[in-house]
Amino acid sequence: QVQLVESGGGLVQPGGSLRLSCATSAFTLDYYYAIGWFRQAPGKEREGVSWVSTGDNSKQYADSVKGRFTISRDNAKNVVYLQMNNLKPEDTAVYYCAPLTRLTTAQTMGPMYPGAYDFLGQGTQVTVSS
């Protein structure tokens, strides 16, 4: 069974940092077209934060996190990371990682369109508060 497990969330003060991890099982990262990070705050829709292609290592970030978040992958460990620096209260959300499984949808709607991904994990809570 395909499974991705997110970890690394927690409570942090504004300006602080966290590193989220997304570990895959059953398949290696290269099995997927890309891995994306998403977040969902209470009462809001799920939004794309960042994605990384498993082929050419292309990356993209939402405007709201550019310059603060960095996505990376370790193929040997089958892990994708999201380094989050200078966190703000508006970053508070449950963060999910997911594999891109509907390539045509991504090509039509954009690489961070949630409908192109399969959400398999439980997410990890990130709370930014003083």
C-alpha atoms as a PDB file:
ATOM      1  CA  GLN A   1       0.000   0.000   0.000  1.00  0.00           C
ATOM      2  CA  VAL A   2       1.336   3.381  -0.994  1.00  0.00           C
ATOM      3  CA  GLN A   3       1.930   5.523   2.038  1.00  0.00           C
ATOM      4  CA  LEU A   4       3.523   8.841   2.809  1.00  0.00           C
ATOM      5  CA  VAL A   5       4.150   9.882   6.387  1.00  0.00           C
ATOM      6  CA  GLU A   6       4.619  13.502   7.359  1.00  0.00           C
ATOM      7  CA  SER A   7       6.506  14.531  10.480  1.00  0.00           C
ATOM      8  CA  GLY A   8       8.328  17.463  12.014  1.00  0.00           C
ATOM      9  CA  GLY A   9       5.484  19.780  12.867  1.00  0.00           C
ATOM     10  CA  GLY A  10       5.087  21.532  16.170  1.00  0.00           C
ATOM     11  CA  LEU A  11       4.626  24.802  17.985  1.00  0.00           C
ATOM     12  CA  VAL A  12       7.086  27.562  17.141  1.00  0.00           C
ATOM     13  CA  GLN A  13       7.285  31.277  17.780  1.00  0.00           C
ATOM     14  CA  PRO A  14       7.071  33.780  14.927  1.00  0.00           C
ATOM     15  CA  GLY A  15      10.420  34.013  13.207  1.00  0.00           C
ATOM     16  CA  GLY A  16      11.295  30.453  14.124  1.00  0.00           C
ATOM     17  CA  SER A  17      12.061  27.465  11.927  1.00  0.00           C
ATOM     18  CA  LEU A  18      10.857  23.935  11.414  1.00  0.00           C
ATOM     19  CA  ARG A  19      11.822  21.167   9.040  1.00  0.00           C
ATOM     20  CA  LEU A  20       9.096  18.873   7.850  1.00  0.00           C
ATOM     21  CA  SER A  21       9.815  15.417   6.505  1.00  0.00           C
ATOM     22  CA  CYS A  22       7.825  13.298   4.099  1.00  0.00           C
ATOM     23  CA  ALA A  23       8.850   9.663   4.079  1.00  0.00           C
ATOM     24  CA  THR A  24       7.645   7.288   1.404  1.00  0.00           C
ATOM     25  CA  SER A  25       7.166   3.574   1.738  1.00  0.00           C
ATOM     26  CA  ALA A  26       6.492   0.792  -0.718  1.00  0.00           C
ATOM     27  CA  PHE A  27       7.884   2.841  -3.619  1.00  0.00           C
ATOM     28  CA  THR A  28      10.918   5.024  -4.170  1.00  0.00           C
ATOM     29  CA  LEU A  29      10.582   8.734  -4.887  1.00  0.00           C
ATOM     30  CA  ASP A  30      11.356   8.169  -8.554  1.00  0.00           C
ATOM     31  CA  TYR A  31       8.138   6.173  -8.880  1.00  0.00           C
ATOM     32  CA  TYR A  32       6.222   9.466  -8.751  1.00  0.00           C
ATOM     33  CA  TYR A  33       6.300  12.427 -11.123  1.00  0.00           C
ATOM     34  CA  ALA A  34       6.688  14.842  -8.249  1.00  0.00           C
ATOM     35  CA  ILE A  35       6.073  15.307  -4.551  1.00  0.00           C
ATOM     36  CA  GLY A  36       4.176  18.310  -3.289  1.00  0.00           C
ATOM     37  CA  TRP A  37       3.692  19.966   0.059  1.00  0.00           C
ATOM     38  CA  PHE A  38       0.292  21.411   0.853  1.00  0.00           C
ATOM     39  CA  ARG A  39      -1.338  22.995   3.860  1.00  0.00           C
ATOM     40  CA  GLN A  40      -4.829  23.518   5.140  1.00  0.00           C
ATOM     41  CA  ALA A  41      -5.792  25.987   7.811  1.00  0.00           C
ATOM     42  CA  PRO A  42      -9.120  25.743   9.674  1.00  0.00           C
ATOM     43  CA  GLY A  43     -11.956  26.975   7.513  1.00  0.00           C
ATOM     44  CA  LYS A  44      -9.768  27.318   4.443  1.00  0.00           C
ATOM     45  CA  GLU A  45      -9.178  25.240   1.359  1.00  0.00           C
ATOM     46  CA  ARG A  46      -6.068  23.151   0.939  1.00  0.00           C
ATOM     47  CA  GLU A  47      -3.387  25.109  -0.863  1.00  0.00           C
ATOM     48  CA  GLY A  48      -0.148  24.185  -2.547  1.00  0.00           C
ATOM     49  CA  VAL A  49       3.015  25.302  -0.798  1.00  0.00           C
ATOM     50  CA  SER A  50       5.784  23.776  -2.848  1.00  0.00           C
ATOM     51  CA  TRP A  51       6.587  20.893  -5.138  1.00  0.00           C
ATOM     52  CA  VAL A  52       9.675  19.135  -6.446  1.00  0.00           C
ATOM     53  CA  SER A  53       9.970  17.068  -9.581  1.00  0.00           C
ATOM     54  CA  THR A  54      11.558  13.684  -9.055  1.00  0.00           C
ATOM     55  CA  GLY A  55      12.961  13.822 -12.585  1.00  0.00           C
ATOM     56  CA  ASP A  56      14.841  17.059 -13.189  1.00  0.00           C
ATOM     57  CA  ASN A  57      14.524  18.388  -9.625  1.00  0.00           C
ATOM     58  CA  SER A  58      12.434  21.354 -10.738  1.00  0.00           C
ATOM     59  CA  LYS A  59      10.927  23.232  -7.829  1.00  0.00           C
ATOM     60  CA  GLN A  60       8.205  25.764  -7.314  1.00  0.00           C
ATOM     61  CA  TYR A  61       6.902  27.714  -4.356  1.00  0.00           C
ATOM     62  CA  ALA A  62       3.743  29.559  -3.526  1.00  0.00           C
ATOM     63  CA  ASP A  63       4.267  33.315  -3.461  1.00  0.00           C
ATOM     64  CA  SER A  64       3.423  33.392   0.233  1.00  0.00           C
ATOM     65  CA  VAL A  65       6.435  31.228   1.144  1.00  0.00           C
ATOM     66  CA  LYS A  66       9.045  32.224  -1.431  1.00  0.00           C
ATOM     67  CA  GLY A  67      12.332  33.114   0.167  1.00  0.00           C
ATOM     68  CA  ARG A  68      11.333  31.453   3.451  1.00  0.00           C
ATOM     69  CA  PHE A  69      10.660  27.799   2.588  1.00  0.00           C
ATOM     70  CA  THR A  70      12.965  25.375   0.810  1.00  0.00           C
ATOM     71  CA  ILE A  71      11.981  21.985  -0.562  1.00  0.00           C
ATOM     72  CA  SER A  72      14.566  19.275  -1.042  1.00  0.00           C
ATOM     73  CA  ARG A  73      14.714  15.537  -1.501  1.00  0.00           C
ATOM     74  CA  ASP A  74      16.994  12.719  -0.439  1.00  0.00           C
ATOM     75  CA  ASN A  75      16.485   9.875  -2.885  1.00  0.00           C
ATOM     76  CA  ALA A  76      18.674   7.519  -0.903  1.00  0.00           C
ATOM     77  CA  LYS A  77      16.402   7.896   2.120  1.00  0.00           C
ATOM     78  CA  ASN A  78      13.187   8.323   0.132  1.00  0.00           C
ATOM     79  CA  VAL A  79      12.441  11.507   2.011  1.00  0.00           C
ATOM     80  CA  VAL A  80      11.308  14.948   0.892  1.00  0.00           C
ATOM     81  CA  TYR A  81      11.935  17.844   3.242  1.00  0.00           C
ATOM     82  CA  LEU A  82      10.363  21.234   3.655  1.00  0.00           C
ATOM     83  CA  GLN A  83      12.615  23.642   5.504  1.00  0.00           C
ATOM     84  CA  MET A  84      10.522  26.498   6.850  1.00  0.00           C
ATOM     85  CA  ASN A  85      12.267  29.615   8.104  1.00  0.00           C
ATOM     86  CA  ASN A  86      10.983  32.950   9.388  1.00  0.00           C
ATOM     87  CA  LEU A  87       7.635  31.385  10.163  1.00  0.00           C
ATOM     88  CA  LYS A  88       4.613  33.621  10.501  1.00  0.00           C
ATOM     89  CA  PRO A  89       1.298  33.093  12.303  1.00  0.00           C
ATOM     90  CA  GLU A  90      -0.407  32.795   8.910  1.00  0.00           C
ATOM     91  CA  ASP A  91       1.693  29.682   8.236  1.00  0.00           C
ATOM     92  CA  THR A  92      -0.305  27.864  10.902  1.00  0.00           C
ATOM     93  CA  ALA A  93      -1.974  24.855   9.281  1.00  0.00           C
ATOM     94  CA  VAL A  94      -1.880  21.110   8.885  1.00  0.00           C
ATOM     95  CA  TYR A  95       0.818  20.322   6.347  1.00  0.00           C
ATOM     96  CA  TYR A  96       0.532  17.396   3.974  1.00  0.00           C
ATOM     97  CA  CYS A  97       2.831  15.864   1.430  1.00  0.00           C
ATOM     98  CA  ALA A  98       1.452  14.003  -1.533  1.00  0.00           C
ATOM     99  CA  PRO A  99       2.603  12.370  -4.759  1.00  0.00           C
ATOM    100  CA  LEU A 100       1.602  13.848  -8.084  1.00  0.00           C
ATOM    101  CA  THR A 101      -0.338  11.083  -9.793  1.00  0.00           C
ATOM    102  CA  ARG A 102      -2.476  12.932 -12.356  1.00  0.00           C
ATOM    103  CA  LEU A 103       0.083  14.523 -14.651  1.00  0.00           C
ATOM    104  CA  THR A 104      -2.424  15.759 -17.218  1.00  0.00           C
ATOM    105  CA  THR A 105      -4.358  17.561 -14.503  1.00  0.00           C
ATOM    106  CA  ALA A 106      -1.165  19.202 -13.263  1.00  0.00           C
ATOM    107  CA  GLN A 107      -0.243  20.277 -16.781  1.00  0.00           C
ATOM    108  CA  THR A 108      -3.670  21.854 -17.209  1.00  0.00           C
ATOM    109  CA  MET A 109      -4.254  23.340 -13.775  1.00  0.00           C
ATOM    110  CA  GLY A 110      -0.699  23.921 -12.581  1.00  0.00           C
ATOM    111  CA  PRO A 111       1.805  21.776 -10.711  1.00  0.00           C
ATOM    112  CA  MET A 112       0.494  22.698  -7.281  1.00  0.00           C
ATOM    113  CA  TYR A 113      -3.165  22.049  -7.982  1.00  0.00           C
ATOM    114  CA  PRO A 114      -4.313  19.742  -5.177  1.00  0.00           C
ATOM    115  CA  GLY A 115      -6.557  17.743  -7.508  1.00  0.00           C
ATOM    116  CA  ALA A 116      -3.494  16.372  -9.280  1.00  0.00           C
ATOM    117  CA  TYR A 117      -2.270  14.671  -6.110  1.00  0.00           C
ATOM    118  CA  ASP A 118      -3.274  11.744  -3.936  1.00  0.00           C
ATOM    119  CA  PHE A 119      -3.390  12.671  -0.271  1.00  0.00           C
ATOM    120  CA  LEU A 120      -2.419   9.568   1.652  1.00  0.00           C
ATOM    121  CA  GLY A 121      -0.988  10.821   4.944  1.00  0.00           C
ATOM    122  CA  GLN A 122      -2.460  12.268   8.113  1.00  0.00           C
ATOM    123  CA  GLY A 123      -0.550  15.514   7.926  1.00  0.00           C
ATOM    124  CA  THR A 124       1.508  17.271  10.552  1.00  0.00           C
ATOM    125  CA  GLN A 125       0.328  20.284  12.526  1.00  0.00           C
ATOM    126  CA  VAL A 126       2.370  23.471  12.392  1.00  0.00           C
ATOM    127  CA  THR A 127       1.395  26.206  14.824  1.00  0.00           C
ATOM    128  CA  VAL A 128       3.146  29.563  14.794  1.00  0.00           C
ATOM    129  CA  SER A 129       2.271  31.558  17.862  1.00  0.00           C
ATOM    130  CA  SER A 130       3.892  33.611  20.578  1.00  0.00           C
END
